Amino acid sequence: MPIAFILLNSDLGSDQEIITKLKEMLAVEKDLKYEVQGVYGIYDIVVKIEAANADLLRTIITNKIRKIDKVQSTLTMMVIEEQERL
């Protein structure tokens, strides 16, 4: 399964609101596993998503996560699937 880690920067004080939106949004998706955590540091929220296929993963990141209000920026890191099998 394709995996991505998405790091989000949010407007000041909006972390919990965004985390709630993310969980609601991702909970209704089929063929998806996810984790959402607030973090300290340069980024405010970390999301790990495992999807049934890469197209679904890209669609969720591009069309849903990046369009959430109060998300200032994202950094997406796709896991190299071939290295998981070694």
PDB file of N, CA and C in Angstrom:
ATOM      1  N   MET A   1       0.845  -1.191   0.000  1.00  0.00           N
ATOM      2  CA  MET A   1       0.000   0.000   0.000  1.00  0.00           C
ATOM      3  C   MET A   1       0.884   1.246   0.000  1.00  0.00           C
ATOM      4  N   PRO A   2       0.593   2.203  -0.875  1.00  0.00           N
ATOM      5  CA  PRO A   2       1.341   3.459  -0.869  1.00  0.00           C
ATOM      6  C   PRO A   2       1.132   4.207   0.456  1.00  0.00           C
ATOM      7  N   ILE A   3       2.214   4.800   0.951  1.00  0.00           N
ATOM      8  CA  ILE A   3       2.179   5.540   2.214  1.00  0.00           C
ATOM      9  C   ILE A   3       2.752   6.929   1.984  1.00  0.00           C
ATOM     10  N   ALA A   4       2.137   7.917   2.628  1.00  0.00           N
ATOM     11  CA  ALA A   4       2.663   9.280   2.590  1.00  0.00           C
ATOM     12  C   ALA A   4       2.608   9.873   3.992  1.00  0.00           C
ATOM     13  N   PHE A   5       3.607  10.700   4.284  1.00  0.00           N
ATOM     14  CA  PHE A   5       3.617  11.519   5.491  1.00  0.00           C
ATOM     15  C   PHE A   5       3.418  12.950   5.027  1.00  0.00           C
ATOM     16  N   ILE A   6       2.436  13.635   5.602  1.00  0.00           N
ATOM     17  CA  ILE A   6       2.153  15.018   5.227  1.00  0.00           C
ATOM     18  C   ILE A   6       2.361  15.885   6.455  1.00  0.00           C
ATOM     19  N   LEU A   7       3.235  16.882   6.331  1.00  0.00           N
ATOM     20  CA  LEU A   7       3.502  17.831   7.402  1.00  0.00           C
ATOM     21  C   LEU A   7       2.754  19.110   7.075  1.00  0.00           C
ATOM     22  N   LEU A   8       2.003  19.631   8.037  1.00  0.00           N
ATOM     23  CA  LEU A   8       1.183  20.817   7.804  1.00  0.00           C
ATOM     24  C   LEU A   8       1.579  21.966   8.709  1.00  0.00           C
ATOM     25  N   ASN A   9       1.582  23.156   8.156  1.00  0.00           N
ATOM     26  CA  ASN A   9       1.669  24.398   8.919  1.00  0.00           C
ATOM     27  C   ASN A   9       0.285  25.006   8.914  1.00  0.00           C
ATOM     28  N   SER A  10      -0.144  25.478  10.073  1.00  0.00           N
ATOM     29  CA  SER A  10      -1.489  26.027  10.183  1.00  0.00           C
ATOM     30  C   SER A  10      -1.454  27.440  10.752  1.00  0.00           C
ATOM     31  N   ASP A  11      -2.581  28.130  10.619  1.00  0.00           N
ATOM     32  CA  ASP A  11      -2.721  29.430  11.257  1.00  0.00           C
ATOM     33  C   ASP A  11      -2.598  29.242  12.769  1.00  0.00           C
ATOM     34  N   LEU A  12      -2.075  30.236  13.437  1.00  0.00           N
ATOM     35  CA  LEU A  12      -1.876  30.183  14.874  1.00  0.00           C
ATOM     36  C   LEU A  12      -3.180  29.852  15.605  1.00  0.00           C
ATOM     37  N   GLY A  13      -3.144  28.827  16.437  1.00  0.00           N
ATOM     38  CA  GLY A  13      -4.293  28.466  17.250  1.00  0.00           C
ATOM     39  C   GLY A  13      -5.351  27.627  16.555  1.00  0.00           C
ATOM     40  N   SER A  14      -5.108  27.205  15.323  1.00  0.00           N
ATOM     41  CA  SER A  14      -6.133  26.457  14.585  1.00  0.00           C
ATOM     42  C   SER A  14      -5.828  24.963  14.498  1.00  0.00           C
ATOM     43  N   ASP A  15      -4.814  24.505  15.216  1.00  0.00           N
ATOM     44  CA  ASP A  15      -4.387  23.108  15.124  1.00  0.00           C
ATOM     45  C   ASP A  15      -5.524  22.128  15.405  1.00  0.00           C
ATOM     46  N   GLN A  16      -6.197  22.290  16.519  1.00  0.00           N
ATOM     47  CA  GLN A  16      -7.230  21.330  16.904  1.00  0.00           C
ATOM     48  C   GLN A  16      -8.382  21.317  15.905  1.00  0.00           C
ATOM     49  N   GLU A  17      -8.748  22.471  15.402  1.00  0.00           N
ATOM     50  CA  GLU A  17      -9.812  22.563  14.397  1.00  0.00           C
ATOM     51  C   GLU A  17      -9.427  21.775  13.134  1.00  0.00           C
ATOM     52  N   ILE A  18      -8.195  21.929  12.690  1.00  0.00           N
ATOM     53  CA  ILE A  18      -7.730  21.234  11.494  1.00  0.00           C
ATOM     54  C   ILE A  18      -7.633  19.735  11.741  1.00  0.00           C
ATOM     55  N   ILE A  19      -7.136  19.340  12.903  1.00  0.00           N
ATOM     56  CA  ILE A  19      -7.047  17.918  13.242  1.00  0.00           C
ATOM     57  C   ILE A  19      -8.432  17.281  13.213  1.00  0.00           C
ATOM     58  N   THR A  20      -9.418  17.964  13.769  1.00  0.00           N
ATOM     59  CA  THR A  20     -10.796  17.459  13.753  1.00  0.00           C
ATOM     60  C   THR A  20     -11.301  17.310  12.320  1.00  0.00           C
ATOM     61  N   LYS A  21     -11.071  18.321  11.489  1.00  0.00           N
ATOM     62  CA  LYS A  21     -11.500  18.257  10.085  1.00  0.00           C
ATOM     63  C   LYS A  21     -10.821  17.106   9.354  1.00  0.00           C
ATOM     64  N   LEU A  22      -9.527  16.943   9.590  1.00  0.00           N
ATOM     65  CA  LEU A  22      -8.793  15.859   8.937  1.00  0.00           C
ATOM     66  C   LEU A  22      -9.366  14.497   9.313  1.00  0.00           C
ATOM     67  N   LYS A  23      -9.596  14.281  10.600  1.00  0.00           N
ATOM     68  CA  LYS A  23     -10.130  12.995  11.049  1.00  0.00           C
ATOM     69  C   LYS A  23     -11.509  12.723  10.469  1.00  0.00           C
ATOM     70  N   GLU A  24     -12.364  13.750  10.433  1.00  0.00           N
ATOM     71  CA  GLU A  24     -13.701  13.583   9.850  1.00  0.00           C
ATOM     72  C   GLU A  24     -13.610  13.274   8.364  1.00  0.00           C
ATOM     73  N   MET A  25     -12.748  13.984   7.660  1.00  0.00           N
ATOM     74  CA  MET A  25     -12.576  13.824   6.223  1.00  0.00           C
ATOM     75  C   MET A  25     -12.033  12.440   5.869  1.00  0.00           C
ATOM     76  N   LEU A  26     -11.015  12.007   6.603  1.00  0.00           N
ATOM     77  CA  LEU A  26     -10.369  10.742   6.290  1.00  0.00           C
ATOM     78  C   LEU A  26     -11.178   9.535   6.752  1.00  0.00           C
ATOM     79  N   ALA A  27     -12.000   9.699   7.762  1.00  0.00           N
ATOM     80  CA  ALA A  27     -12.792   8.589   8.298  1.00  0.00           C
ATOM     81  C   ALA A  27     -13.788   8.046   7.279  1.00  0.00           C
ATOM     82  N   VAL A  28     -14.259   8.878   6.370  1.00  0.00           N
ATOM     83  CA  VAL A  28     -15.264   8.435   5.400  1.00  0.00           C
ATOM     84  C   VAL A  28     -14.644   7.817   4.147  1.00  0.00           C
ATOM     85  N   GLU A  29     -13.337   7.914   4.009  1.00  0.00           N
ATOM     86  CA  GLU A  29     -12.662   7.353   2.830  1.00  0.00           C
ATOM     87  C   GLU A  29     -12.519   5.837   2.973  1.00  0.00           C
ATOM     88  N   LYS A  30     -12.794   5.129   1.885  1.00  0.00           N
ATOM     89  CA  LYS A  30     -12.619   3.679   1.876  1.00  0.00           C
ATOM     90  C   LYS A  30     -11.182   3.356   1.482  1.00  0.00           C
ATOM     91  N   ASP A  31     -10.730   2.173   1.841  1.00  0.00           N
ATOM     92  CA  ASP A  31      -9.394   1.695   1.480  1.00  0.00           C
ATOM     93  C   ASP A  31      -8.292   2.636   1.954  1.00  0.00           C
ATOM     94  N   LEU A  32      -8.429   3.106   3.201  1.00  0.00           N
ATOM     95  CA  LEU A  32      -7.493   4.096   3.718  1.00  0.00           C
ATOM     96  C   LEU A  32      -7.239   3.848   5.199  1.00  0.00           C
ATOM     97  N   LYS A  33      -5.973   3.944   5.607  1.00  0.00           N
ATOM     98  CA  LYS A  33      -5.598   3.951   7.013  1.00  0.00           C
ATOM     99  C   LYS A  33      -4.899   5.272   7.259  1.00  0.00           C
ATOM    100  N   TYR A  34      -5.095   5.841   8.438  1.00  0.00           N
ATOM    101  CA  TYR A  34      -4.476   7.140   8.691  1.00  0.00           C
ATOM    102  C   TYR A  34      -4.184   7.338  10.176  1.00  0.00           C
ATOM    103  N   GLU A  35      -3.250   8.247  10.426  1.00  0.00           N
ATOM    104  CA  GLU A  35      -2.948   8.741  11.771  1.00  0.00           C
ATOM    105  C   GLU A  35      -2.765  10.238  11.662  1.00  0.00           C
ATOM    106  N   VAL A  36      -3.283  10.975  12.633  1.00  0.00           N
ATOM    107  CA  VAL A  36      -3.157  12.430  12.657  1.00  0.00           C
ATOM    108  C   VAL A  36      -2.671  12.828  14.042  1.00  0.00           C
ATOM    109  N   GLN A  37      -1.575  13.608  14.085  1.00  0.00           N
ATOM    110  CA  GLN A  37      -1.017  14.022  15.362  1.00  0.00           C
ATOM    111  C   GLN A  37      -0.603  15.492  15.311  1.00  0.00           C
ATOM    112  N   GLY A  38      -0.882  16.219  16.373  1.00  0.00           N
ATOM    113  CA  GLY A  38      -0.314  17.543  16.547  1.00  0.00           C
ATOM    114  C   GLY A  38       1.101  17.388  17.068  1.00  0.00           C
ATOM    115  N   VAL A  39       2.024  18.238  16.613  1.00  0.00           N
ATOM    116  CA  VAL A  39       3.420  18.116  17.015  1.00  0.00           C
ATOM    117  C   VAL A  39       4.017  19.484  17.341  1.00  0.00           C
ATOM    118  N   TYR A  40       5.109  19.469  18.088  1.00  0.00           N
ATOM    119  CA  TYR A  40       5.882  20.675  18.352  1.00  0.00           C
ATOM    120  C   TYR A  40       6.983  20.770  17.311  1.00  0.00           C
ATOM    121  N   GLY A  41       7.375  21.970  16.980  1.00  0.00           N
ATOM    122  CA  GLY A  41       8.484  22.152  16.055  1.00  0.00           C
ATOM    123  C   GLY A  41       8.090  23.034  14.885  1.00  0.00           C
ATOM    124  N   ILE A  42       8.791  22.867  13.780  1.00  0.00           N
ATOM    125  CA  ILE A  42       8.568  23.694  12.595  1.00  0.00           C
ATOM    126  C   ILE A  42       7.173  23.472  12.030  1.00  0.00           C
ATOM    127  N   TYR A  43       6.693  22.234  12.088  1.00  0.00           N
ATOM    128  CA  TYR A  43       5.358  21.911  11.583  1.00  0.00           C
ATOM    129  C   TYR A  43       4.403  21.748  12.754  1.00  0.00           C
ATOM    130  N   ASP A  44       3.118  21.879  12.473  1.00  0.00           N
ATOM    131  CA  ASP A  44       2.102  21.833  13.516  1.00  0.00           C
ATOM    132  C   ASP A  44       1.362  20.498  13.589  1.00  0.00           C
ATOM    133  N   ILE A  45       1.213  19.841  12.444  1.00  0.00           N
ATOM    134  CA  ILE A  45       0.440  18.601  12.367  1.00  0.00           C
ATOM    135  C   ILE A  45       1.163  17.635  11.437  1.00  0.00           C
ATOM    136  N   VAL A  46       1.173  16.351  11.815  1.00  0.00           N
ATOM    137  CA  VAL A  46       1.715  15.298  10.965  1.00  0.00           C
ATOM    138  C   VAL A  46       0.598  14.308  10.672  1.00  0.00           C
ATOM    139  N   VAL A  47       0.471  13.959   9.398  1.00  0.00           N
ATOM    140  CA  VAL A  47      -0.542  12.990   8.970  1.00  0.00           C
ATOM    141  C   VAL A  47       0.171  11.854   8.251  1.00  0.00           C
ATOM    142  N   LYS A  48      -0.151  10.625   8.622  1.00  0.00           N
ATOM    143  CA  LYS A  48       0.342   9.446   7.904  1.00  0.00           C
ATOM    144  C   LYS A  48      -0.861   8.796   7.247  1.00  0.00           C
ATOM    145  N   ILE A  49      -0.763   8.582   5.943  1.00  0.00           N
ATOM    146  CA  ILE A  49      -1.867   7.970   5.200  1.00  0.00           C
ATOM    147  C   ILE A  49      -1.355   6.772   4.415  1.00  0.00           C
ATOM    148  N   GLU A  50      -2.075   5.658   4.535  1.00  0.00           N
ATOM    149  CA  GLU A  50      -1.854   4.488   3.699  1.00  0.00           C
ATOM    150  C   GLU A  50      -3.103   4.313   2.858  1.00  0.00           C
ATOM    151  N   ALA A  51      -2.936   4.275   1.542  1.00  0.00           N
ATOM    152  CA  ALA A  51      -4.083   4.171   0.639  1.00  0.00           C
ATOM    153  C   ALA A  51      -3.968   2.907  -0.204  1.00  0.00           C
ATOM    154  N   ALA A  52      -5.092   2.499  -0.767  1.00  0.00           N
ATOM    155  CA  ALA A  52      -5.123   1.308  -1.609  1.00  0.00           C
ATOM    156  C   ALA A  52      -4.261   1.475  -2.855  1.00  0.00           C
ATOM    157  N   ASN A  53      -4.168   2.727  -3.350  1.00  0.00           N
ATOM    158  CA  ASN A  53      -3.348   2.976  -4.535  1.00  0.00           C
ATOM    159  C   ASN A  53      -2.834   4.418  -4.512  1.00  0.00           C
ATOM    160  N   ALA A  54      -1.835   4.681  -5.325  1.00  0.00           N
ATOM    161  CA  ALA A  54      -1.193   5.992  -5.339  1.00  0.00           C
ATOM    162  C   ALA A  54      -2.120   7.090  -5.848  1.00  0.00           C
ATOM    163  N   ASP A  55      -3.004   6.757  -6.783  1.00  0.00           N
ATOM    164  CA  ASP A  55      -3.936   7.768  -7.303  1.00  0.00           C
ATOM    165  C   ASP A  55      -4.867   8.280  -6.213  1.00  0.00           C
ATOM    166  N   LEU A  56      -5.387   7.371  -5.397  1.00  0.00           N
ATOM    167  CA  LEU A  56      -6.255   7.768  -4.287  1.00  0.00           C
ATOM    168  C   LEU A  56      -5.485   8.652  -3.309  1.00  0.00           C
ATOM    169  N   LEU A  57      -4.274   8.274  -3.017  1.00  0.00           N
ATOM    170  CA  LEU A  57      -3.435   9.039  -2.100  1.00  0.00           C
ATOM    171  C   LEU A  57      -3.203  10.457  -2.619  1.00  0.00           C
ATOM    172  N   ARG A  58      -2.819  10.587  -3.879  1.00  0.00           N
ATOM    173  CA  ARG A  58      -2.583  11.907  -4.471  1.00  0.00           C
ATOM    174  C   ARG A  58      -3.855  12.753  -4.490  1.00  0.00           C
ATOM    175  N   THR A  59      -4.982  12.141  -4.789  1.00  0.00           N
ATOM    176  CA  THR A  59      -6.255  12.866  -4.834  1.00  0.00           C
ATOM    177  C   THR A  59      -6.619  13.422  -3.460  1.00  0.00           C
ATOM    178  N   ILE A  60      -6.463  12.620  -2.435  1.00  0.00           N
ATOM    179  CA  ILE A  60      -6.784  13.068  -1.075  1.00  0.00           C
ATOM    180  C   ILE A  60      -5.881  14.224  -0.655  1.00  0.00           C
ATOM    181  N   ILE A  61      -4.594  14.096  -0.930  1.00  0.00           N
ATOM    182  CA  ILE A  61      -3.656  15.150  -0.537  1.00  0.00           C
ATOM    183  C   ILE A  61      -3.927  16.439  -1.300  1.00  0.00           C
ATOM    184  N   THR A  62      -4.055  16.329  -2.607  1.00  0.00           N
ATOM    185  CA  THR A  62      -4.209  17.514  -3.454  1.00  0.00           C
ATOM    186  C   THR A  62      -5.582  18.162  -3.340  1.00  0.00           C
ATOM    187  N   ASN A  63      -6.624  17.363  -3.394  1.00  0.00           N
ATOM    188  CA  ASN A  63      -7.979  17.912  -3.473  1.00  0.00           C
ATOM    189  C   ASN A  63      -8.671  18.092  -2.136  1.00  0.00           C
ATOM    190  N   LYS A  64      -8.143  17.504  -1.092  1.00  0.00           N
ATOM    191  CA  LYS A  64      -8.812  17.617   0.208  1.00  0.00           C
ATOM    192  C   LYS A  64      -7.917  18.271   1.265  1.00  0.00           C
ATOM    193  N   ILE A  65      -6.803  17.631   1.587  1.00  0.00           N
ATOM    194  CA  ILE A  65      -5.971  18.129   2.687  1.00  0.00           C
ATOM    195  C   ILE A  65      -5.438  19.527   2.403  1.00  0.00           C
ATOM    196  N   ARG A  66      -4.909  19.743   1.221  1.00  0.00           N
ATOM    197  CA  ARG A  66      -4.302  21.048   0.909  1.00  0.00           C
ATOM    198  C   ARG A  66      -5.329  22.171   0.807  1.00  0.00           C
ATOM    199  N   LYS A  67      -6.611  21.827   0.717  1.00  0.00           N
ATOM    200  CA  LYS A  67      -7.653  22.842   0.580  1.00  0.00           C
ATOM    201  C   LYS A  67      -8.379  23.153   1.885  1.00  0.00           C
ATOM    202  N   ILE A  68      -7.946  22.576   2.978  1.00  0.00           N
ATOM    203  CA  ILE A  68      -8.566  22.860   4.281  1.00  0.00           C
ATOM    204  C   ILE A  68      -8.255  24.303   4.675  1.00  0.00           C
ATOM    205  N   ASP A  69      -9.289  25.018   5.103  1.00  0.00           N
ATOM    206  CA  ASP A  69      -9.091  26.393   5.579  1.00  0.00           C
ATOM    207  C   ASP A  69      -8.099  26.401   6.733  1.00  0.00           C
ATOM    208  N   LYS A  70      -7.284  27.422   6.774  1.00  0.00           N
ATOM    209  CA  LYS A  70      -6.301  27.674   7.835  1.00  0.00           C
ATOM    210  C   LYS A  70      -5.050  26.801   7.735  1.00  0.00           C
ATOM    211  N   VAL A  71      -4.944  25.988   6.681  1.00  0.00           N
ATOM    212  CA  VAL A  71      -3.689  25.286   6.413  1.00  0.00           C
ATOM    213  C   VAL A  71      -2.856  26.216   5.553  1.00  0.00           C
ATOM    214  N   GLN A  72      -1.716  26.642   6.082  1.00  0.00           N
ATOM    215  CA  GLN A  72      -0.864  27.581   5.351  1.00  0.00           C
ATOM    216  C   GLN A  72       0.002  26.892   4.317  1.00  0.00           C
ATOM    217  N   SER A  73       0.562  25.730   4.675  1.00  0.00           N
ATOM    218  CA  SER A  73       1.430  25.015   3.740  1.00  0.00           C
ATOM    219  C   SER A  73       1.508  23.544   4.126  1.00  0.00           C
ATOM    220  N   THR A  74       1.932  22.738   3.161  1.00  0.00           N
ATOM    221  CA  THR A  74       2.123  21.312   3.414  1.00  0.00           C
ATOM    222  C   THR A  74       3.447  20.864   2.816  1.00  0.00           C
ATOM    223  N   LEU A  75       3.975  19.795   3.369  1.00  0.00           N
ATOM    224  CA  LEU A  75       5.141  19.118   2.814  1.00  0.00           C
ATOM    225  C   LEU A  75       4.784  17.639   2.793  1.00  0.00           C
ATOM    226  N   THR A  76       4.785  17.047   1.605  1.00  0.00           N
ATOM    227  CA  THR A  76       4.401  15.648   1.459  1.00  0.00           C
ATOM    228  C   THR A  76       5.624  14.806   1.155  1.00  0.00           C
ATOM    229  N   MET A  77       5.749  13.707   1.882  1.00  0.00           N
ATOM    230  CA  MET A  77       6.836  12.753   1.661  1.00  0.00           C
ATOM    231  C   MET A  77       6.221  11.392   1.374  1.00  0.00           C
ATOM    232  N   MET A  78       6.430  10.909   0.150  1.00  0.00           N
ATOM    233  CA  MET A  78       5.932   9.597  -0.253  1.00  0.00           C
ATOM    234  C   MET A  78       6.983   8.551   0.105  1.00  0.00           C
ATOM    235  N   VAL A  79       6.551   7.466   0.701  1.00  0.00           N
ATOM    236  CA  VAL A  79       7.453   6.376   1.067  1.00  0.00           C
ATOM    237  C   VAL A  79       7.840   5.613  -0.200  1.00  0.00           C
ATOM    238  N   ILE A  80       9.098   5.228  -0.297  1.00  0.00           N
ATOM    239  CA  ILE A  80       9.579   4.434  -1.422  1.00  0.00           C
ATOM    240  C   ILE A  80       9.186   2.987  -1.141  1.00  0.00           C
ATOM    241  N   GLU A  81       8.166   2.524  -1.836  1.00  0.00           N
ATOM    242  CA  GLU A  81       7.598   1.211  -1.564  1.00  0.00           C
ATOM    243  C   GLU A  81       8.589   0.067  -1.767  1.00  0.00           C
ATOM    244  N   GLU A  82       9.464   0.194  -2.744  1.00  0.00           N
ATOM    245  CA  GLU A  82      10.416  -0.865  -3.016  1.00  0.00           C
ATOM    246  C   GLU A  82      11.337  -1.111  -1.826  1.00  0.00           C
ATOM    247  N   GLN A  83      11.664  -0.090  -1.067  1.00  0.00           N
ATOM    248  CA  GLN A  83      12.561  -0.248   0.077  1.00  0.00           C
ATOM    249  C   GLN A  83      11.876  -0.935   1.243  1.00  0.00           C
ATOM    250  N   GLU A  84      10.555  -0.882   1.304  1.00  0.00           N
ATOM    251  CA  GLU A  84       9.832  -1.553   2.391  1.00  0.00           C
ATOM    252  C   GLU A  84       9.977  -3.059   2.288  1.00  0.00           C
ATOM    253  N   ARG A  85      10.174  -3.575   1.092  1.00  0.00           N
ATOM    254  CA  ARG A  85      10.212  -5.024   0.861  1.00  0.00           C
ATOM    255  C   ARG A  85      11.590  -5.621   1.131  1.00  0.00           C
ATOM    256  N   LEU A  86      12.598  -4.788   1.318  1.00  0.00           N
ATOM    257  CA  LEU A  86      13.965  -5.302   1.533  1.00  0.00           C
ATOM    258  C   LEU A  86      14.144  -5.858   2.921  1.00  0.00           C
TER     259      LEU A  86
END
